[in-house]
Amino acid sequence: MKYVVLKFGGTSVRTKEARNAAALRVISCKEQGFQPVVVVSAIGRRGEPYATDTLVQLLREIDPVVEPDVRELDLMMACGEILSSVIFAHTLKSLGHPAMAMRGGQAGIRTDGQYGRARILGVNPIGLMEVSRRGAIPVVCGFQGVWTDGKLPGAELTTLGRGGSDTTAAALGAALRAERVEIYTDVDGVKSADPDFVPGAPTLGRVSYDEVAEIAHLGAKVLHPRAAEIAMRFGIPLWVKNTFSDHPGTEITTRDHAETAAVTGVTHSGKLVYLQADLQDLPESARRQLMQVMYDTLGRQSFNLYMTNLSPSSFGFAVPREQYGLFMLLFDGLVIPLRGETNEIAILQVGDEPSHETQTQVELLKPLGETRVIRLASIEGCTMVSVVGREALAQPGLFRTVLDTLAEEQVPVLQTGDADFSLSVLIPESELRRTVSALHARFGLATKGA
């Protein structure tokens, strides 16, 4: 069989009319001689009755002080996709096409045991293939899989974290050796910039896996980067299309088939807090210990870090504003013994002024020996804007053009960063709209795309 995986996001399954439009996409695919496999997200978005955030809020409202168990939280979050898959399968049946709703585990998705942020370890699509062989269309719950620890009876349900339905679609496409994976949403494809900031930003006709993964990593919500990475690894053609229009969408393909351009698009992150530590007076061994403790802790707590920079005498990074409260809880007043030449005790202070926690720790630890307060300077109210392109750093004068453009617009640059496919600047959040618009115009992106 020639499989095509079609994934529909929350807005594509939110109403009866939207589900009918999505179902007609599936039926059209079948009539063209392909075997469709459907992946669905939960119905609607935050605040709507069956959205994932609404289900989670229902659980948290029982007692805001008692944090839900991560296992039960995964069970609750998975309900949105289960509802969506059953409703969508029944929609297909009502249009005369046999279909079967399937949980992630029934579709063969096996994960590790990290509730809330599980990673797919493997996919055995034998169940999907059997349903297809019987002439039905599988409708799979996105965002979920199962794992077995060998102790509890049966398999434990896990969720894949943000963008998990995109990841599900790409993983199933790889396992089935699909002809392509089509991601359906409420926009025409991958845009050269956020159309809320740049009205009329064109849809990109064809981009590379690397570029779209970078665009997604740096803030665009149209596709999860993990989906692009899986599709690239297994050579599965990937498309982003609009459920509600006939626009051809964006094809995501290999570098040699992608359109050649110095700059593909301009993207931006959400609200950030930038943190910088001056370690100039610390011995090298102490600096290593301090950074190891911090980055190990950030990794265990699944922090998203931006604009990371390291030097022999300092380090800095930005964290999302919504994670800053947790950052303060973990690190403000944290005591770190520094073993080595000085055997000092380091106490972290987040921000310019010491909190009650930091002051208390300093007083309590004085009798134990030499203490040193390490200050993490913080800059709130900032965001990151990135220029994305194939081998961006290899483009002569690209960084100078970005800095000159922002200088002309009188936008202060707080920090810069780079990667193989992007150049990024940290700026005040108040300058976001002007910065995106200016860079989009400077690189002539309004004339690209479809």
Protein backbone atom coordinates (compact mmCIF):
# COMPACT_ATOMS: atom_id res chain seq x y z
CA MET A 1 0.00 0.00 0.00
CA LYS A 2 1.03 3.57 -0.62
CA TYR A 3 0.48 5.36 2.70
CA VAL A 4 -0.04 9.07 3.24
CA VAL A 5 -0.17 10.43 6.79
CA LEU A 6 -2.47 13.43 7.30
CA LYS A 7 -2.29 15.31 10.61
CA PHE A 8 -5.00 17.78 11.62
CA GLY A 9 -4.44 20.35 14.35
CA GLY A 10 -6.94 21.64 16.89
CA THR A 11 -8.51 24.29 14.65
CA SER A 12 -9.02 21.71 11.89
CA VAL A 13 -11.19 19.53 14.15
CA ARG A 14 -12.76 22.24 16.29
CA THR A 15 -16.24 22.42 14.67
CA LYS A 16 -18.48 20.15 12.62
CA GLU A 17 -17.76 22.28 9.52
CA ALA A 18 -13.99 22.11 10.11
CA ARG A 19 -14.10 18.33 10.63
CA ASN A 20 -16.07 17.89 7.42
CA ALA A 21 -13.48 19.95 5.52
CA ALA A 22 -10.69 17.84 7.01
CA ALA A 23 -12.55 14.61 6.27
CA LEU A 24 -12.92 15.61 2.62
CA ARG A 25 -9.11 15.99 2.48
CA VAL A 26 -8.79 12.41 3.72
CA ILE A 27 -11.37 11.09 1.29
CA SER A 28 -9.68 12.88 -1.62
CA CYS A 29 -6.39 11.25 -0.67
CA LYS A 30 -8.07 7.83 -0.66
CA GLU A 31 -9.72 8.45 -4.03
CA GLN A 32 -6.29 9.25 -5.50
CA GLY A 33 -5.22 5.68 -4.73
CA PHE A 34 -3.41 6.21 -1.43
CA GLN A 35 -4.12 4.66 1.95
CA PRO A 36 -4.64 7.55 4.38
CA VAL A 37 -3.58 7.36 8.01
CA VAL A 38 -4.99 10.25 10.05
CA VAL A 39 -3.44 11.83 13.17
CA VAL A 40 -5.53 14.28 15.19
CA SER A 41 -4.87 16.83 17.92
CA ALA A 42 -7.32 17.69 20.69
CA ILE A 43 -10.38 19.69 19.67
CA GLY A 44 -9.97 23.47 19.84
CA ARG A 45 -7.61 25.67 21.81
CA ARG A 46 -7.14 26.99 25.34
CA GLY A 47 -10.44 27.77 27.06
CA GLU A 48 -12.60 25.60 24.79
CA PRO A 49 -14.37 22.61 26.39
CA TYR A 50 -12.24 19.75 25.05
CA ALA A 51 -8.87 21.50 24.65
CA THR A 52 -5.91 19.98 26.51
CA ASP A 53 -5.36 23.10 28.62
CA THR A 54 -9.02 23.06 29.67
CA LEU A 55 -8.76 19.44 30.80
CA VAL A 56 -5.61 20.15 32.78
CA GLN A 57 -7.21 23.19 34.41
CA LEU A 58 -10.15 21.02 35.48
CA LEU A 59 -7.71 18.81 37.37
CA ARG A 60 -5.72 21.65 38.92
CA GLU A 61 -8.86 23.44 40.13
CA ILE A 62 -9.58 20.61 42.58
CA ASP A 63 -6.88 22.02 44.88
CA PRO A 64 -4.40 24.59 43.50
CA VAL A 65 -1.94 23.72 46.30
CA VAL A 66 -1.72 20.01 45.48
CA GLU A 67 0.26 19.36 42.29
CA PRO A 68 -1.29 16.56 40.18
CA ASP A 69 0.70 13.36 39.86
CA VAL A 70 2.53 13.31 36.52
CA ARG A 71 1.07 9.91 35.61
CA GLU A 72 -2.52 11.07 36.19
CA LEU A 73 -1.77 14.35 34.43
CA ASP A 74 -0.76 12.40 31.31
CA LEU A 75 -3.96 10.37 31.48
CA MET A 76 -5.98 13.58 31.70
CA MET A 77 -4.15 15.31 28.86
CA ALA A 78 -4.54 12.29 26.58
CA CYS A 79 -8.35 12.52 26.83
CA GLY A 80 -8.47 15.41 24.37
CA GLU A 81 -6.96 13.40 21.54
CA ILE A 82 -9.06 10.33 22.39
CA LEU A 83 -12.25 12.38 22.08
CA SER A 84 -11.00 13.93 18.85
CA SER A 85 -10.05 10.60 17.24
CA VAL A 86 -13.42 8.98 18.01
CA ILE A 87 -15.36 11.99 16.72
CA PHE A 88 -13.26 12.27 13.56
CA ALA A 89 -13.51 8.53 12.84
CA HIS A 90 -17.30 8.77 13.20
CA THR A 91 -17.30 11.78 10.86
CA LEU A 92 -15.59 9.68 8.18
CA LYS A 93 -18.10 6.86 8.74
CA SER A 94 -20.99 9.31 8.33
CA LEU A 95 -19.53 10.20 4.92
CA GLY A 96 -19.47 6.55 3.86
CA HIS A 97 -15.86 5.63 4.65
CA PRO A 98 -15.04 2.98 7.28
CA ALA A 99 -12.64 4.26 9.95
CA MET A 100 -11.26 3.18 13.30
CA ALA A 101 -10.07 5.38 16.17
CA MET A 102 -6.79 4.20 17.73
CA ARG A 103 -4.83 5.31 20.78
CA GLY A 104 -1.12 5.95 20.34
CA GLY A 105 -0.24 2.60 21.90
CA GLN A 106 -2.64 0.74 19.61
CA ALA A 107 -0.90 2.42 16.67
CA GLY A 108 2.37 0.89 17.90
CA ILE A 109 4.06 3.95 19.41
CA ARG A 110 6.46 2.96 22.19
CA THR A 111 8.15 5.62 24.33
CA ASP A 112 10.45 6.02 27.29
CA GLY A 113 8.90 6.53 30.73
CA GLN A 114 9.16 10.32 30.98
CA TYR A 115 5.60 11.40 31.70
CA GLY A 116 4.71 14.71 30.06
CA ARG A 117 7.74 14.77 27.78
CA ALA A 118 8.27 11.22 26.57
CA ARG A 119 10.42 10.46 23.55
CA ILE A 120 9.47 7.89 20.95
CA LEU A 121 11.75 4.84 21.10
CA GLY A 122 10.13 2.91 18.28
CA VAL A 123 6.99 2.36 16.23
CA ASN A 124 5.54 -1.02 15.26
CA PRO A 125 2.74 -0.16 12.81
CA ILE A 126 1.35 -3.69 12.44
CA GLY A 127 -1.99 -2.64 13.93
CA LEU A 128 -2.30 0.29 11.52
CA MET A 129 -1.48 -1.93 8.59
CA GLU A 130 -4.09 -4.50 9.64
CA VAL A 131 -6.80 -1.84 9.94
CA SER A 132 -5.83 -0.52 6.50
CA ARG A 133 -5.85 -4.04 5.03
CA ARG A 134 -9.45 -4.41 6.22
CA GLY A 135 -10.39 -1.31 4.24
CA ALA A 136 -10.75 1.14 7.12
CA ILE A 137 -8.98 4.46 7.72
CA PRO A 138 -6.98 4.53 10.97
CA VAL A 139 -7.52 7.72 13.01
CA VAL A 140 -4.70 7.93 15.55
CA CYS A 141 -4.53 10.00 18.73
CA GLY A 142 -1.56 12.33 18.39
CA PHE A 143 0.63 13.39 21.29
CA GLN A 144 0.73 9.99 23.04
CA GLY A 145 2.35 6.58 23.27
CA VAL A 146 2.91 3.85 25.84
CA TRP A 147 5.77 2.36 27.83
CA THR A 148 6.20 -0.71 30.02
CA ASP A 149 8.32 -0.82 33.17
CA GLY A 150 7.85 -4.55 33.74
CA LYS A 151 6.18 -4.01 37.12
CA LEU A 152 2.73 -2.58 36.48
CA PRO A 153 0.26 -4.72 34.50
CA GLY A 154 -0.25 -3.53 30.95
CA ALA A 155 1.35 -0.51 29.31
CA GLU A 156 1.48 2.98 30.81
CA LEU A 157 0.20 5.92 28.74
CA THR A 158 2.65 8.78 28.16
CA THR A 159 2.38 12.12 26.37
CA LEU A 160 5.04 13.57 24.09
CA GLY A 161 5.04 17.23 25.14
CA ARG A 162 4.42 20.33 23.05
CA GLY A 163 4.00 19.60 19.33
CA GLY A 164 3.53 15.91 20.07
CA SER A 165 0.91 15.39 17.35
CA ASP A 166 3.33 16.64 14.67
CA THR A 167 5.93 14.24 16.06
CA THR A 168 3.39 11.39 16.00
CA ALA A 169 2.61 12.04 12.34
CA ALA A 170 6.28 12.12 11.31
CA ALA A 171 7.08 8.96 13.30
CA LEU A 172 4.18 7.05 11.75
CA GLY A 173 5.21 8.29 8.31
CA ALA A 174 8.71 6.94 8.86
CA ALA A 175 7.46 3.57 10.20
CA LEU A 176 5.05 3.10 7.29
CA ARG A 177 7.55 4.38 4.70
CA ALA A 178 4.82 6.78 3.66
CA GLU A 179 4.77 8.62 0.36
CA ARG A 180 4.50 11.86 2.36
CA VAL A 181 3.30 13.41 5.60
CA GLU A 182 0.87 16.33 5.37
CA ILE A 183 0.46 18.65 8.36
CA TYR A 184 -2.85 20.56 8.16
CA THR A 185 -3.45 23.78 10.05
CA ASP A 186 -5.32 27.08 9.60
CA VAL A 187 -2.58 28.87 7.62
CA ASP A 188 -1.41 28.26 4.05
CA GLY A 189 2.03 26.93 5.06
CA VAL A 190 5.30 28.16 6.50
CA LYS A 191 5.41 31.96 6.28
CA SER A 192 8.47 34.18 5.85
CA ALA A 193 7.39 35.95 9.08
CA ASP A 194 4.52 36.00 11.54
CA PRO A 195 1.63 37.53 9.52
CA ASP A 196 0.38 39.23 12.69
CA PHE A 197 3.58 41.30 12.57
CA VAL A 198 4.08 41.43 8.79
CA PRO A 199 0.68 41.51 7.05
CA GLY A 200 0.91 39.78 3.71
CA ALA A 201 4.06 37.80 4.60
CA PRO A 202 4.29 35.25 1.77
CA THR A 203 4.04 31.49 2.14
CA LEU A 204 7.31 29.74 1.38
CA GLY A 205 6.98 27.29 -1.52
CA ARG A 206 9.83 24.94 -0.67
CA VAL A 207 12.29 24.94 2.23
CA SER A 208 14.82 22.48 3.60
CA TYR A 209 14.28 20.28 6.64
CA ASP A 210 17.12 22.14 8.38
CA GLU A 211 15.59 25.55 7.79
CA VAL A 212 12.09 24.66 8.94
CA ALA A 213 13.46 22.91 12.04
CA GLU A 214 15.43 26.08 12.84
CA ILE A 215 12.40 28.30 12.22
CA ALA A 216 10.38 26.10 14.58
CA HIS A 217 13.10 25.95 17.24
CA LEU A 218 13.29 29.74 17.23
CA GLY A 219 9.62 30.37 17.85
CA ALA A 220 7.37 29.67 14.85
CA LYS A 221 4.41 27.48 15.87
CA VAL A 222 3.45 26.11 12.45
CA LEU A 223 5.42 22.85 12.83
CA HIS A 224 7.28 21.18 15.66
CA PRO A 225 11.04 20.86 14.97
CA ARG A 226 11.09 17.22 16.05
CA ALA A 227 8.73 16.35 13.20
CA ALA A 228 11.08 17.94 10.67
CA GLU A 229 14.05 16.12 12.19
CA ILE A 230 12.34 12.72 11.98
CA ALA A 231 11.19 13.33 8.40
CA MET A 232 14.73 14.39 7.43
CA ARG A 233 16.32 11.33 9.00
CA PHE A 234 14.05 8.93 7.13
CA GLY A 235 13.70 10.96 3.91
CA ILE A 236 9.93 11.37 4.18
CA PRO A 237 8.52 14.29 2.15
CA LEU A 238 6.76 16.70 4.51
CA TRP A 239 4.10 19.28 3.66
CA VAL A 240 2.39 22.04 5.65
CA LYS A 241 -1.04 22.93 4.23
CA ASN A 242 -4.25 24.77 5.05
CA THR A 243 -7.31 22.63 5.78
CA PHE A 244 -9.60 25.41 4.57
CA SER A 245 -7.99 26.58 1.31
CA ASP A 246 -6.67 25.21 -1.97
CA HIS A 247 -3.25 26.82 -1.52
CA PRO A 248 -0.53 24.28 -2.43
CA GLY A 249 1.24 24.85 0.89
CA THR A 250 4.91 24.51 1.79
CA GLU A 251 6.99 21.50 0.78
CA ILE A 252 9.78 20.59 3.19
CA THR A 253 12.53 18.69 1.49
CA THR A 254 16.28 18.07 1.30
CA ARG A 255 18.77 20.92 0.92
CA ASP A 256 19.53 20.13 -2.71
CA HIS A 257 15.84 20.39 -3.66
CA ALA A 258 15.03 23.46 -1.54
CA GLU A 259 14.95 26.96 -2.94
CA THR A 260 18.25 28.81 -2.62
CA ALA A 261 18.14 32.05 -0.66
CA ALA A 262 20.48 33.83 1.73
CA VAL A 263 17.54 34.42 4.09
CA THR A 264 14.43 32.25 4.27
CA GLY A 265 12.50 34.08 6.97
CA VAL A 266 12.42 36.12 10.15
CA THR A 267 11.05 34.51 13.29
CA HIS A 268 10.80 35.40 16.96
CA SER A 269 10.51 33.77 20.36
CA GLY A 270 8.10 34.62 23.13
CA LYS A 271 8.81 36.66 26.25
CA LEU A 272 12.29 35.98 27.69
CA VAL A 273 14.38 36.79 30.75
CA TYR A 274 18.13 37.05 30.13
CA LEU A 275 20.52 36.00 32.91
CA GLN A 276 24.27 36.69 33.04
CA ALA A 277 26.85 35.66 35.66
CA ASP A 278 30.29 37.23 36.04
CA LEU A 279 32.72 34.55 37.25
CA GLN A 280 35.90 36.54 36.70
CA ASP A 281 37.12 36.21 40.30
CA LEU A 282 36.50 32.47 40.57
CA PRO A 283 39.25 29.87 39.96
CA GLU A 284 38.75 27.77 36.85
CA SER A 285 37.84 24.59 38.76
CA ALA A 286 35.17 26.49 40.72
CA ARG A 287 33.74 27.97 37.52
CA ARG A 288 33.40 24.48 36.05
CA GLN A 289 31.66 23.15 39.16
CA LEU A 290 29.24 26.05 39.28
CA MET A 291 28.28 25.79 35.61
CA GLN A 292 27.97 22.00 35.82
CA VAL A 293 25.51 22.24 38.72
CA MET A 294 23.47 24.91 36.96
CA TYR A 295 23.25 23.27 33.54
CA ASP A 296 22.58 19.81 35.02
CA THR A 297 19.69 21.27 37.03
CA LEU A 298 18.31 23.19 34.03
CA GLY A 299 18.42 20.01 31.96
CA ARG A 300 16.64 17.89 34.57
CA GLN A 301 13.89 20.49 34.86
CA SER A 302 13.46 20.71 31.05
CA PHE A 303 14.24 24.42 30.73
CA ASN A 304 14.31 25.87 27.22
CA LEU A 305 17.49 27.94 26.92
CA TYR A 306 18.10 30.66 24.34
CA MET A 307 21.09 32.84 23.50
CA THR A 308 23.50 30.65 25.47
CA ASN A 309 26.97 32.12 25.70
CA LEU A 310 30.05 30.90 27.51
CA SER A 311 33.43 32.53 28.05
CA PRO A 312 36.34 31.83 30.43
CA SER A 313 34.97 34.45 32.83
CA SER A 314 31.17 34.42 32.43
CA PHE A 315 28.12 32.62 31.14
CA GLY A 316 24.65 33.72 30.15
CA PHE A 317 21.38 32.47 28.71
CA ALA A 318 17.72 33.40 28.38
CA VAL A 319 14.77 31.44 29.73
CA PRO A 320 11.09 31.79 28.78
CA ARG A 321 9.21 34.21 31.01
CA GLU A 322 6.79 31.49 32.07
CA GLN A 323 9.71 29.43 33.42
CA TYR A 324 11.33 32.31 35.31
CA GLY A 325 9.33 31.67 38.50
CA LEU A 326 10.61 28.09 38.60
CA PHE A 327 14.12 29.36 37.86
CA MET A 328 13.94 31.70 40.86
CA LEU A 329 12.63 28.90 43.06
CA LEU A 330 15.47 26.59 42.06
CA PHE A 331 18.42 28.97 41.98
CA ASP A 332 17.86 32.07 44.11
CA GLY A 333 19.70 31.32 47.37
CA LEU A 334 21.02 27.98 46.07
CA VAL A 335 24.10 26.80 48.00
CA ILE A 336 26.89 25.19 45.97
CA PRO A 337 30.04 23.90 47.73
CA LEU A 338 33.09 24.65 45.56
CA ARG A 339 35.68 21.95 46.15
CA GLY A 340 39.27 22.63 45.15
CA GLU A 341 41.75 25.38 45.74
CA THR A 342 39.58 27.52 48.03
CA ASN A 343 36.80 25.20 49.33
CA GLU A 344 34.43 28.16 49.31
CA ILE A 345 30.66 28.01 49.53
CA ALA A 346 28.89 29.75 46.67
CA ILE A 347 25.43 31.23 47.16
CA LEU A 348 23.51 32.23 44.04
CA GLN A 349 21.66 35.55 43.94
CA VAL A 350 19.22 36.13 41.08
CA GLY A 351 18.80 39.84 40.29
CA ASP A 352 20.48 43.03 41.49
CA GLU A 353 19.12 42.99 45.04
CA PRO A 354 19.47 40.00 47.40
CA SER A 355 16.19 38.32 48.30
CA HIS A 356 15.27 37.27 51.83
CA GLU A 357 16.29 33.71 50.86
CA THR A 358 19.74 34.76 49.77
CA GLN A 359 20.32 36.98 52.80
CA THR A 360 19.23 34.19 55.13
CA GLN A 361 21.56 31.68 53.49
CA VAL A 362 24.51 34.06 53.77
CA GLU A 363 23.92 34.61 57.49
CA LEU A 364 23.37 30.93 58.25
CA LEU A 365 26.48 29.77 56.40
CA LYS A 366 28.98 32.33 57.70
CA PRO A 367 30.06 30.12 60.61
CA LEU A 368 30.95 27.30 58.22
CA GLY A 369 33.69 29.18 56.38
CA GLU A 370 34.25 31.45 53.41
CA THR A 371 31.11 32.24 51.44
CA ARG A 372 30.86 33.94 48.08
CA VAL A 373 27.70 35.41 46.56
CA ILE A 374 27.48 34.79 42.81
CA ARG A 375 25.09 37.29 41.24
CA LEU A 376 23.02 36.37 38.21
CA ALA A 377 22.09 39.70 36.64
CA SER A 378 18.66 39.52 35.02
CA ILE A 379 17.07 41.49 32.20
CA GLU A 380 13.30 41.05 31.96
CA GLY A 381 11.00 42.22 29.20
CA CYS A 382 13.12 41.01 26.29
CA THR A 383 12.63 38.71 23.32
CA MET A 384 14.68 37.15 20.53
CA VAL A 385 14.41 37.81 16.80
CA SER A 386 16.18 35.51 14.35
CA VAL A 387 17.07 35.65 10.69
CA VAL A 388 16.98 32.11 9.27
CA GLY A 389 18.66 30.92 6.09
CA ARG A 390 20.66 28.08 4.59
CA GLU A 391 24.16 28.27 6.04
CA ALA A 392 23.40 31.75 7.34
CA LEU A 393 26.85 32.26 8.80
CA ALA A 394 28.44 31.64 5.40
CA GLN A 395 26.58 34.59 3.86
CA PRO A 396 29.05 37.51 3.58
CA GLY A 397 27.92 40.61 5.43
CA LEU A 398 24.70 39.10 6.77
CA PHE A 399 25.40 39.89 10.41
CA ARG A 400 26.51 43.42 9.56
CA THR A 401 23.28 43.96 7.61
CA VAL A 402 21.20 42.83 10.61
CA LEU A 403 23.06 45.14 13.01
CA ASP A 404 22.97 48.09 10.59
CA THR A 405 19.23 47.65 10.10
CA LEU A 406 18.57 47.69 13.83
CA ALA A 407 20.89 50.66 14.32
CA GLU A 408 18.93 52.60 11.70
CA GLU A 409 15.70 51.72 13.51
CA GLN A 410 17.32 52.67 16.84
CA VAL A 411 16.58 49.25 18.30
CA PRO A 412 19.00 48.38 21.13
CA VAL A 413 20.68 44.97 20.81
CA LEU A 414 21.20 43.34 24.21
CA GLN A 415 22.91 40.15 23.03
CA THR A 416 23.66 38.26 19.82
CA GLY A 417 23.86 34.58 18.97
CA ASP A 418 24.35 32.38 15.94
CA ALA A 419 23.92 28.84 14.65
CA ASP A 420 24.47 27.14 11.31
CA PHE A 421 21.11 28.29 9.98
CA SER A 422 20.36 31.45 11.93
CA LEU A 423 21.54 34.75 13.37
CA SER A 424 19.71 35.97 16.48
CA VAL A 425 19.49 39.20 18.45
CA LEU A 426 18.07 39.79 21.90
CA ILE A 427 16.05 43.00 22.02
CA PRO A 428 13.52 44.75 24.29
CA GLU A 429 10.11 43.18 23.79
CA SER A 430 8.64 46.60 23.07
CA GLU A 431 10.68 46.71 19.83
CA LEU A 432 9.57 43.30 18.55
CA ARG A 433 7.06 44.32 15.91
CA ARG A 434 9.32 47.03 14.47
CA THR A 435 12.34 44.71 14.39
CA VAL A 436 10.59 41.86 12.59
CA SER A 437 9.07 44.22 10.05
CA ALA A 438 12.37 46.04 9.38
CA LEU A 439 14.41 42.85 8.87
CA HIS A 440 11.71 41.30 6.70
CA ALA A 441 11.80 44.37 4.45
CA ARG A 442 15.62 44.68 4.44
CA PHE A 443 16.06 41.15 3.08
CA GLY A 444 13.31 41.52 0.47
CA LEU A 445 11.24 38.65 1.85
CA ALA A 446 7.92 40.16 0.79
CA THR A 447 8.65 39.12 -2.82
CA LYS A 448 9.61 35.51 -2.02
CA GLY A 449 7.44 32.45 -1.59
CA ALA A 450 4.08 31.69 -3.10
